Amino acid sequence: MAEQSPENLSDIEILDILTSMKNDELTTEAKDIIREGGKAGRQESHKQALVALNHSFEEKFVEAVTLALQLNEGQSKKIRYKKDRIRILKVRGIDYMAIDGAETAQVLSQISQAITREDAIVTHGLHNIFPFWKEGWPMVQFDNAYTILAEDITIHYQGVLDALISKH
C-alpha cells in the first residue's frame, strides 16, 4: 500500500484499499526462506519461516487496522499487543476474539518470541499446542507447525479484513 495518511483518504478509498489487502500474501518471505533452506536445513528454515510469517502478519494487521479505524501513532503501536488489540477493536464494535483464528495469532506470536528469545524452547503457554511440544523441551517438527499455522493465520487475516470492511 502506498504510504498515505488515513485522514486524507475517503471512506471509499479506504474500503478499496482494505478490499485489495484481501489479496495480500502473508507467506511470501516465509516461502522464500524455506526454498532457500533446502533439504539439509529443512527444520531450521521452517523455524525462521515461522518468525517471518508472524512478522508479515503483524505488519499487515497493523496496517489494515490503522487504516480502517484511522488510529493515531500511539494506538497503532498498542494494537500489536493482545490486550490492547482486543480493547481498541471492541471500542470500534469488533469482537476480536470472535474472529476465526484469533488464538492462532496469539500462538504464532508466542512461537516467534520463543524462537527468537528462548532458543526455541517450549514455554508454558505453548505446552501441548502441538501434540509433540512439551514445556521445557526444544520445539520440534517446525515444518508441521508452519504448515498448520500458515493456513490458519491466513484465514484469520481474511477474517480481520472482513470485520474491518463490514464496520466501515
N, C-alpha and C. Protein backbone atom coordinates (compact mmCIF):
# COMPACT_ATOMS: atom_id res chain seq x y z
N MET A 1 0.84 -1.18 0.00
CA MET A 1 0.00 0.00 0.00
C MET A 1 0.89 1.24 0.00
N ALA A 2 0.53 2.21 -0.76
CA ALA A 2 1.27 3.47 -0.78
C ALA A 2 1.07 4.16 0.56
N GLU A 3 2.11 4.78 1.06
CA GLU A 3 2.00 5.45 2.35
C GLU A 3 1.16 6.71 2.21
N GLN A 4 -0.04 6.64 2.70
CA GLN A 4 -0.93 7.79 2.74
C GLN A 4 -1.53 7.81 4.14
N SER A 5 -1.75 8.98 4.67
CA SER A 5 -2.34 9.01 6.00
C SER A 5 -3.85 8.78 5.86
N PRO A 6 -4.41 7.96 6.78
CA PRO A 6 -5.82 7.60 6.68
C PRO A 6 -6.76 8.80 6.65
N GLU A 7 -6.40 9.88 7.34
CA GLU A 7 -7.31 11.02 7.39
C GLU A 7 -7.42 11.74 6.04
N ASN A 8 -6.49 11.48 5.12
CA ASN A 8 -6.55 12.10 3.80
C ASN A 8 -7.30 11.25 2.79
N LEU A 9 -7.78 10.09 3.21
CA LEU A 9 -8.48 9.18 2.31
C LEU A 9 -9.98 9.21 2.56
N SER A 10 -10.75 9.06 1.51
CA SER A 10 -12.20 8.98 1.67
C SER A 10 -12.57 7.57 2.13
N ASP A 11 -13.80 7.41 2.60
CA ASP A 11 -14.27 6.09 3.02
C ASP A 11 -14.20 5.08 1.88
N ILE A 12 -14.51 5.53 0.69
CA ILE A 12 -14.48 4.62 -0.48
C ILE A 12 -13.04 4.20 -0.76
N GLU A 13 -12.09 5.13 -0.67
CA GLU A 13 -10.69 4.79 -0.89
C GLU A 13 -10.19 3.80 0.17
N ILE A 14 -10.60 4.01 1.41
CA ILE A 14 -10.21 3.10 2.49
C ILE A 14 -10.79 1.71 2.23
N LEU A 15 -12.06 1.65 1.85
CA LEU A 15 -12.67 0.35 1.53
C LEU A 15 -11.97 -0.33 0.36
N ASP A 16 -11.61 0.43 -0.64
CA ASP A 16 -10.88 -0.13 -1.78
C ASP A 16 -9.54 -0.72 -1.35
N ILE A 17 -8.82 0.00 -0.51
CA ILE A 17 -7.52 -0.48 -0.04
C ILE A 17 -7.69 -1.73 0.80
N LEU A 18 -8.67 -1.71 1.73
CA LEU A 18 -8.92 -2.90 2.56
C LEU A 18 -9.30 -4.10 1.71
N THR A 19 -10.13 -3.87 0.70
CA THR A 19 -10.54 -4.95 -0.19
C THR A 19 -9.33 -5.48 -0.96
N SER A 20 -8.47 -4.60 -1.41
CA SER A 20 -7.28 -5.06 -2.14
C SER A 20 -6.31 -5.80 -1.22
N MET A 21 -6.33 -5.47 0.06
CA MET A 21 -5.46 -6.16 1.03
C MET A 21 -5.86 -7.62 1.21
N LYS A 22 -7.09 -7.95 0.82
CA LYS A 22 -7.51 -9.35 0.89
C LYS A 22 -6.67 -10.23 -0.04
N ASN A 23 -5.99 -9.61 -1.00
CA ASN A 23 -5.10 -10.35 -1.90
C ASN A 23 -3.66 -10.45 -1.37
N ASP A 24 -3.40 -9.85 -0.21
CA ASP A 24 -2.05 -9.91 0.37
C ASP A 24 -1.65 -11.36 0.61
N GLU A 25 -0.42 -11.66 0.32
CA GLU A 25 0.15 -12.98 0.54
C GLU A 25 1.04 -12.89 1.78
N LEU A 26 0.63 -13.51 2.87
CA LEU A 26 1.37 -13.44 4.13
C LEU A 26 2.62 -14.32 4.12
N THR A 27 2.65 -15.30 3.25
CA THR A 27 3.71 -16.32 3.31
C THR A 27 4.85 -16.12 2.32
N THR A 28 4.88 -15.02 1.61
CA THR A 28 5.89 -14.82 0.57
C THR A 28 7.32 -14.95 1.11
N GLU A 29 7.65 -14.18 2.12
CA GLU A 29 9.01 -14.22 2.69
C GLU A 29 9.29 -15.58 3.31
N ALA A 30 8.30 -16.13 4.02
CA ALA A 30 8.47 -17.44 4.66
C ALA A 30 8.75 -18.52 3.62
N LYS A 31 8.03 -18.50 2.52
CA LYS A 31 8.26 -19.49 1.45
C LYS A 31 9.65 -19.35 0.86
N ASP A 32 10.13 -18.12 0.71
CA ASP A 32 11.49 -17.89 0.21
C ASP A 32 12.53 -18.49 1.16
N ILE A 33 12.32 -18.30 2.45
CA ILE A 33 13.23 -18.85 3.46
C ILE A 33 13.26 -20.37 3.37
N ILE A 34 12.10 -20.98 3.25
CA ILE A 34 12.00 -22.44 3.16
C ILE A 34 12.69 -22.94 1.88
N ARG A 35 12.43 -22.28 0.77
CA ARG A 35 13.01 -22.68 -0.51
C ARG A 35 14.53 -22.60 -0.47
N GLU A 36 15.05 -21.55 0.15
CA GLU A 36 16.50 -21.37 0.22
C GLU A 36 17.15 -22.32 1.22
N GLY A 37 16.36 -22.83 2.17
CA GLY A 37 16.90 -23.71 3.21
C GLY A 37 17.31 -25.07 2.70
N GLY A 38 16.66 -25.54 1.65
CA GLY A 38 16.99 -26.85 1.10
C GLY A 38 16.64 -27.98 2.06
N LYS A 39 16.94 -29.19 1.65
CA LYS A 39 16.62 -30.37 2.46
C LYS A 39 17.44 -30.41 3.75
N ALA A 40 18.71 -30.07 3.65
CA ALA A 40 19.60 -30.17 4.81
C ALA A 40 19.15 -29.24 5.95
N GLY A 41 18.64 -28.08 5.60
CA GLY A 41 18.24 -27.11 6.61
C GLY A 41 16.74 -27.02 6.78
N ARG A 42 16.03 -28.09 6.50
CA ARG A 42 14.56 -28.08 6.49
C ARG A 42 13.96 -27.55 7.79
N GLN A 43 14.36 -28.08 8.92
CA GLN A 43 13.77 -27.66 10.19
C GLN A 43 14.18 -26.23 10.55
N GLU A 44 15.44 -25.91 10.33
CA GLU A 44 15.92 -24.55 10.63
C GLU A 44 15.21 -23.52 9.74
N SER A 45 15.03 -23.85 8.47
CA SER A 45 14.37 -22.89 7.58
C SER A 45 12.89 -22.73 7.95
N HIS A 46 12.25 -23.80 8.38
CA HIS A 46 10.85 -23.68 8.80
C HIS A 46 10.75 -22.90 10.12
N LYS A 47 11.74 -23.04 10.96
CA LYS A 47 11.77 -22.26 12.21
C LYS A 47 11.84 -20.77 11.88
N GLN A 48 12.74 -20.40 10.96
CA GLN A 48 12.86 -18.99 10.57
C GLN A 48 11.63 -18.52 9.79
N ALA A 49 11.01 -19.44 9.06
CA ALA A 49 9.79 -19.10 8.31
C ALA A 49 8.65 -18.76 9.27
N LEU A 50 8.58 -19.42 10.42
CA LEU A 50 7.55 -19.10 11.41
C LEU A 50 7.72 -17.67 11.93
N VAL A 51 8.95 -17.27 12.16
CA VAL A 51 9.23 -15.90 12.61
C VAL A 51 8.84 -14.91 11.51
N ALA A 52 9.19 -15.22 10.27
CA ALA A 52 8.85 -14.34 9.15
C ALA A 52 7.34 -14.26 8.94
N LEU A 53 6.65 -15.37 9.10
CA LEU A 53 5.19 -15.39 8.97
C LEU A 53 4.55 -14.49 10.02
N ASN A 54 5.02 -14.59 11.25
CA ASN A 54 4.48 -13.74 12.32
C ASN A 54 4.73 -12.27 12.00
N HIS A 55 5.93 -11.95 11.56
CA HIS A 55 6.26 -10.56 11.23
C HIS A 55 5.36 -10.04 10.09
N SER A 56 5.19 -10.84 9.07
CA SER A 56 4.35 -10.45 7.94
C SER A 56 2.91 -10.21 8.38
N PHE A 57 2.37 -11.14 9.18
CA PHE A 57 1.00 -10.98 9.66
C PHE A 57 0.87 -9.70 10.48
N GLU A 58 1.77 -9.51 11.43
CA GLU A 58 1.68 -8.35 12.32
C GLU A 58 1.76 -7.04 11.54
N GLU A 59 2.67 -6.95 10.58
CA GLU A 59 2.80 -5.73 9.79
C GLU A 59 1.52 -5.44 9.00
N LYS A 60 0.99 -6.44 8.34
CA LYS A 60 -0.22 -6.25 7.53
C LYS A 60 -1.45 -6.01 8.41
N PHE A 61 -1.50 -6.67 9.56
CA PHE A 61 -2.60 -6.48 10.50
C PHE A 61 -2.63 -5.04 10.99
N VAL A 62 -1.48 -4.56 11.45
CA VAL A 62 -1.39 -3.19 11.97
C VAL A 62 -1.74 -2.19 10.88
N GLU A 63 -1.25 -2.42 9.67
CA GLU A 63 -1.55 -1.52 8.55
C GLU A 63 -3.05 -1.47 8.28
N ALA A 64 -3.69 -2.63 8.24
CA ALA A 64 -5.13 -2.68 7.93
C ALA A 64 -5.96 -2.03 9.04
N VAL A 65 -5.66 -2.36 10.28
CA VAL A 65 -6.45 -1.82 11.40
C VAL A 65 -6.23 -0.32 11.53
N THR A 66 -4.99 0.12 11.38
CA THR A 66 -4.68 1.56 11.47
C THR A 66 -5.45 2.33 10.40
N LEU A 67 -5.46 1.80 9.19
CA LEU A 67 -6.16 2.44 8.08
C LEU A 67 -7.67 2.46 8.33
N ALA A 68 -8.23 1.29 8.63
CA ALA A 68 -9.69 1.17 8.76
C ALA A 68 -10.25 1.98 9.92
N LEU A 69 -9.53 1.97 11.03
CA LEU A 69 -10.03 2.66 12.23
C LEU A 69 -9.43 4.04 12.41
N GLN A 70 -8.60 4.44 11.46
CA GLN A 70 -7.93 5.74 11.50
C GLN A 70 -7.27 5.99 12.86
N LEU A 71 -6.43 5.03 13.25
CA LEU A 71 -5.74 5.11 14.53
C LEU A 71 -4.60 6.12 14.47
N ASN A 72 -4.32 6.71 15.61
CA ASN A 72 -3.16 7.60 15.69
C ASN A 72 -1.91 6.73 15.92
N GLU A 73 -0.76 7.36 15.93
CA GLU A 73 0.51 6.61 16.03
C GLU A 73 0.60 5.79 17.31
N GLY A 74 0.17 6.35 18.42
CA GLY A 74 0.20 5.64 19.70
C GLY A 74 -0.70 4.42 19.68
N GLN A 75 -1.90 4.57 19.13
CA GLN A 75 -2.83 3.45 19.04
C GLN A 75 -2.28 2.37 18.10
N SER A 76 -1.62 2.80 17.03
CA SER A 76 -1.03 1.86 16.08
C SER A 76 0.02 0.99 16.75
N LYS A 77 0.79 1.58 17.65
CA LYS A 77 1.80 0.80 18.37
C LYS A 77 1.14 -0.17 19.36
N LYS A 78 0.09 0.30 20.02
CA LYS A 78 -0.58 -0.53 21.03
C LYS A 78 -1.31 -1.72 20.42
N ILE A 79 -1.78 -1.58 19.18
CA ILE A 79 -2.58 -2.63 18.55
C ILE A 79 -1.77 -3.92 18.39
N ARG A 80 -0.47 -3.84 18.55
CA ARG A 80 0.39 -5.02 18.45
C ARG A 80 0.26 -5.94 19.67
N TYR A 81 -0.28 -5.44 20.76
CA TYR A 81 -0.38 -6.22 21.99
C TYR A 81 -1.79 -6.75 22.15
N LYS A 82 -1.90 -8.03 22.51
CA LYS A 82 -3.19 -8.71 22.53
C LYS A 82 -4.25 -7.97 23.34
N LYS A 83 -3.92 -7.57 24.56
CA LYS A 83 -4.90 -6.91 25.41
C LYS A 83 -5.39 -5.60 24.80
N ASP A 84 -4.45 -4.81 24.28
CA ASP A 84 -4.81 -3.54 23.65
C ASP A 84 -5.56 -3.77 22.34
N ARG A 85 -5.15 -4.81 21.61
CA ARG A 85 -5.81 -5.17 20.35
C ARG A 85 -7.29 -5.45 20.61
N ILE A 86 -7.56 -6.24 21.61
CA ILE A 86 -8.94 -6.60 21.96
C ILE A 86 -9.72 -5.34 22.35
N ARG A 87 -9.11 -4.51 23.20
CA ARG A 87 -9.77 -3.30 23.71
C ARG A 87 -10.06 -2.29 22.60
N ILE A 88 -9.05 -1.99 21.79
CA ILE A 88 -9.22 -0.98 20.73
C ILE A 88 -10.27 -1.41 19.72
N LEU A 89 -10.25 -2.67 19.34
CA LEU A 89 -11.24 -3.16 18.38
C LEU A 89 -12.64 -3.22 19.00
N LYS A 90 -12.72 -3.56 20.29
CA LYS A 90 -14.02 -3.64 20.96
C LYS A 90 -14.70 -2.28 20.99
N VAL A 91 -13.92 -1.23 21.25
CA VAL A 91 -14.46 0.14 21.26
C VAL A 91 -15.07 0.48 19.90
N ARG A 92 -14.51 -0.09 18.83
CA ARG A 92 -14.99 0.16 17.47
C ARG A 92 -16.06 -0.86 17.05
N GLY A 93 -16.52 -1.69 17.99
CA GLY A 93 -17.60 -2.63 17.70
C GLY A 93 -17.17 -3.94 17.09
N ILE A 94 -15.89 -4.28 17.21
CA ILE A 94 -15.39 -5.54 16.66
C ILE A 94 -14.91 -6.42 17.81
N ASP A 95 -15.49 -7.62 17.90
CA ASP A 95 -15.07 -8.59 18.92
C ASP A 95 -13.92 -9.39 18.34
N TYR A 96 -12.70 -8.97 18.65
CA TYR A 96 -11.52 -9.59 18.06
C TYR A 96 -11.45 -11.09 18.34
N MET A 97 -11.76 -11.49 19.57
CA MET A 97 -11.65 -12.90 19.93
C MET A 97 -12.68 -13.77 19.22
N ALA A 98 -13.72 -13.15 18.66
CA ALA A 98 -14.73 -13.92 17.92
C ALA A 98 -14.31 -14.15 16.47
N ILE A 99 -13.27 -13.47 16.02
CA ILE A 99 -12.79 -13.65 14.65
C ILE A 99 -12.02 -14.96 14.58
N ASP A 100 -12.40 -15.79 13.62
CA ASP A 100 -11.76 -17.09 13.46
C ASP A 100 -10.24 -16.94 13.41
N GLY A 101 -9.54 -17.66 14.27
CA GLY A 101 -8.09 -17.65 14.26
C GLY A 101 -7.43 -16.66 15.20
N ALA A 102 -8.20 -15.98 16.03
CA ALA A 102 -7.60 -15.01 16.96
C ALA A 102 -6.59 -15.70 17.88
N GLU A 103 -6.91 -16.90 18.31
CA GLU A 103 -5.98 -17.65 19.15
C GLU A 103 -4.74 -18.05 18.36
N THR A 104 -4.91 -18.33 17.08
CA THR A 104 -3.78 -18.68 16.22
C THR A 104 -2.78 -17.53 16.18
N ALA A 105 -3.28 -16.31 16.09
CA ALA A 105 -2.39 -15.14 16.05
C ALA A 105 -1.58 -15.06 17.34
N GLN A 106 -2.22 -15.35 18.48
CA GLN A 106 -1.53 -15.32 19.76
C GLN A 106 -0.48 -16.44 19.82
N VAL A 107 -0.84 -17.62 19.37
CA VAL A 107 0.09 -18.76 19.38
C VAL A 107 1.29 -18.47 18.48
N LEU A 108 1.02 -17.95 17.28
CA LEU A 108 2.10 -17.64 16.35
C LEU A 108 3.05 -16.60 16.96
N SER A 109 2.50 -15.62 17.63
CA SER A 109 3.31 -14.61 18.29
C SER A 109 4.18 -15.24 19.39
N GLN A 110 3.59 -16.12 20.19
CA GLN A 110 4.34 -16.78 21.26
C GLN A 110 5.44 -17.67 20.70
N ILE A 111 5.16 -18.36 19.60
CA ILE A 111 6.16 -19.21 18.97
C ILE A 111 7.31 -18.36 18.47
N SER A 112 6.99 -17.27 17.79
CA SER A 112 8.02 -16.38 17.27
C SER A 112 8.89 -15.85 18.41
N GLN A 113 8.27 -15.46 19.51
CA GLN A 113 9.04 -14.98 20.67
C GLN A 113 9.92 -16.08 21.25
N ALA A 114 9.37 -17.29 21.36
CA ALA A 114 10.15 -18.40 21.91
C ALA A 114 11.34 -18.74 21.02
N ILE A 115 11.15 -18.64 19.71
CA ILE A 115 12.25 -18.93 18.78
C ILE A 115 13.34 -17.87 18.92
N THR A 116 12.94 -16.61 18.97
CA THR A 116 13.93 -15.53 18.98
C THR A 116 14.51 -15.24 20.36
N ARG A 117 13.74 -15.51 21.43
CA ARG A 117 14.20 -15.14 22.77
C ARG A 117 14.50 -16.33 23.68
N GLU A 118 13.92 -17.47 23.42
CA GLU A 118 14.04 -18.61 24.32
C GLU A 118 14.77 -19.79 23.68
N ASP A 119 15.53 -19.57 22.63
CA ASP A 119 16.24 -20.64 21.92
C ASP A 119 15.32 -21.77 21.50
N ALA A 120 14.10 -21.44 21.11
CA ALA A 120 13.11 -22.40 20.61
C ALA A 120 12.78 -23.49 21.64
N ILE A 121 12.71 -23.08 22.90
CA ILE A 121 12.27 -23.99 23.96
C ILE A 121 10.78 -23.75 24.18
N VAL A 122 10.01 -24.83 24.32
CA VAL A 122 8.57 -24.71 24.51
C VAL A 122 8.29 -24.06 25.86
N THR A 123 7.59 -22.93 25.83
CA THR A 123 7.23 -22.20 27.04
C THR A 123 5.92 -22.75 27.61
N HIS A 124 5.58 -22.30 28.80
CA HIS A 124 4.35 -22.75 29.46
C HIS A 124 3.13 -22.53 28.57
N GLY A 125 3.04 -21.38 27.95
CA GLY A 125 1.88 -21.05 27.11
C GLY A 125 1.78 -21.88 25.84
N LEU A 126 2.86 -22.53 25.46
CA LEU A 126 2.87 -23.33 24.23
C LEU A 126 2.81 -24.84 24.50
N HIS A 127 2.79 -25.20 25.77
CA HIS A 127 2.74 -26.62 26.14
C HIS A 127 1.51 -27.28 25.52
N ASN A 128 1.73 -28.34 24.76
CA ASN A 128 0.68 -29.13 24.11
C ASN A 128 -0.09 -28.39 23.03
N ILE A 129 0.41 -27.25 22.55
CA ILE A 129 -0.23 -26.59 21.41
C ILE A 129 -0.22 -27.56 20.24
N PHE A 130 0.89 -28.25 20.09
CA PHE A 130 1.01 -29.36 19.16
C PHE A 130 1.29 -30.59 20.02
N PRO A 131 0.80 -31.77 19.62
CA PRO A 131 0.97 -32.95 20.46
C PRO A 131 2.44 -33.28 20.77
N PHE A 132 3.32 -32.80 19.95
CA PHE A 132 4.73 -33.13 20.10
C PHE A 132 5.53 -32.02 20.81
N TRP A 133 4.84 -31.06 21.43
CA TRP A 133 5.52 -29.99 22.15
C TRP A 133 5.23 -30.09 23.64
N LYS A 134 6.29 -30.18 24.44
CA LYS A 134 6.17 -30.26 25.90
C LYS A 134 7.00 -29.14 26.52
N GLU A 135 6.44 -28.53 27.54
CA GLU A 135 7.10 -27.40 28.20
C GLU A 135 8.51 -27.76 28.64
N GLY A 136 9.44 -26.86 28.36
CA GLY A 136 10.83 -27.04 28.77
C GLY A 136 11.68 -27.81 27.77
N TRP A 137 11.07 -28.40 26.77
CA TRP A 137 11.79 -29.16 25.76
C TRP A 137 11.94 -28.32 24.49
N PRO A 138 12.93 -28.63 23.67
CA PRO A 138 13.07 -27.90 22.41
C PRO A 138 11.87 -28.13 21.49
N MET A 139 11.52 -27.10 20.76
CA MET A 139 10.45 -27.23 19.76
C MET A 139 10.95 -28.18 18.67
N VAL A 140 10.03 -28.99 18.16
CA VAL A 140 10.36 -29.93 17.09
C VAL A 140 9.29 -29.85 16.01
N GLN A 141 9.59 -30.46 14.90
CA GLN A 141 8.65 -30.54 13.77
C GLN A 141 8.15 -29.15 13.34
N PHE A 142 9.09 -28.26 13.12
CA PHE A 142 8.75 -26.91 12.68
C PHE A 142 7.99 -26.92 11.36
N ASP A 143 8.30 -27.89 10.50
CA ASP A 143 7.63 -27.95 9.20
C ASP A 143 6.14 -28.20 9.37
N ASN A 144 5.77 -29.11 10.27
CA ASN A 144 4.35 -29.37 10.53
C ASN A 144 3.67 -28.15 11.16
N ALA A 145 4.35 -27.53 12.13
CA ALA A 145 3.80 -26.35 12.80
C ALA A 145 3.59 -25.23 11.78
N TYR A 146 4.57 -25.02 10.90
CA TYR A 146 4.46 -23.97 9.90
C TYR A 146 3.27 -24.21 8.98
N THR A 147 3.13 -25.43 8.50
CA THR A 147 2.05 -25.76 7.57
C THR A 147 0.69 -25.43 8.18
N ILE A 148 0.49 -25.83 9.42
CA ILE A 148 -0.78 -25.58 10.11
C ILE A 148 -1.00 -24.09 10.34
N LEU A 149 0.01 -23.43 10.88
CA LEU A 149 -0.14 -22.01 11.24
C LEU A 149 -0.24 -21.09 10.03
N ALA A 150 0.46 -21.41 8.95
CA ALA A 150 0.39 -20.56 7.74
C ALA A 150 -1.04 -20.53 7.21
N GLU A 151 -1.68 -21.68 7.20
CA GLU A 151 -3.06 -21.73 6.71
C GLU A 151 -4.01 -21.01 7.68
N ASP A 152 -3.85 -21.28 8.97
CA ASP A 152 -4.75 -20.68 9.96
C ASP A 152 -4.60 -19.17 10.07
N ILE A 153 -3.37 -18.65 9.97
CA ILE A 153 -3.18 -17.21 10.10
C ILE A 153 -3.70 -16.48 8.87
N THR A 154 -3.66 -17.14 7.73
CA THR A 154 -4.23 -16.55 6.52
C THR A 154 -5.75 -16.43 6.65
N ILE A 155 -6.37 -17.46 7.19
CA ILE A 155 -7.82 -17.43 7.44
C ILE A 155 -8.15 -16.31 8.42
N HIS A 156 -7.33 -16.18 9.46
CA HIS A 156 -7.56 -15.13 10.47
C HIS A 156 -7.41 -13.73 9.84
N TYR A 157 -6.38 -13.54 9.05
CA TYR A 157 -6.16 -12.24 8.41
C TYR A 157 -7.35 -11.87 7.52
N GLN A 158 -7.86 -12.83 6.77
CA GLN A 158 -9.04 -12.59 5.94
C GLN A 158 -10.25 -12.23 6.81
N GLY A 159 -10.39 -12.90 7.94
CA GLY A 159 -11.50 -12.61 8.86
C GLY A 159 -11.39 -11.21 9.45
N VAL A 160 -10.18 -10.80 9.79
CA VAL A 160 -9.96 -9.44 10.30
C VAL A 160 -10.35 -8.42 9.24
N LEU A 161 -9.90 -8.63 8.01
CA LEU A 161 -10.25 -7.71 6.93
C LEU A 161 -11.76 -7.66 6.71
N ASP A 162 -12.41 -8.83 6.74
CA ASP A 162 -13.87 -8.86 6.59
C ASP A 162 -14.56 -8.06 7.69
N ALA A 163 -14.09 -8.21 8.93
CA ALA A 163 -14.68 -7.47 10.05
C ALA A 163 -14.46 -5.96 9.88
N LEU A 164 -13.27 -5.58 9.46
CA LEU A 164 -12.99 -4.15 9.26
C LEU A 164 -13.82 -3.58 8.13
N ILE A 165 -13.96 -4.32 7.05
CA ILE A 165 -14.75 -3.87 5.90
C ILE A 165 -16.22 -3.74 6.30
N SER A 166 -16.73 -4.69 7.06
CA SER A 166 -18.15 -4.66 7.44
C SER A 166 -18.46 -3.50 8.40
N LYS A 167 -17.49 -3.04 9.16
CA LYS A 167 -17.70 -1.93 10.10
C LYS A 167 -17.47 -0.58 9.44
N HIS A 168 -16.94 -0.59 8.24
CA HIS A 168 -16.61 0.68 7.59
C HIS A 168 -17.75 1.24 6.80
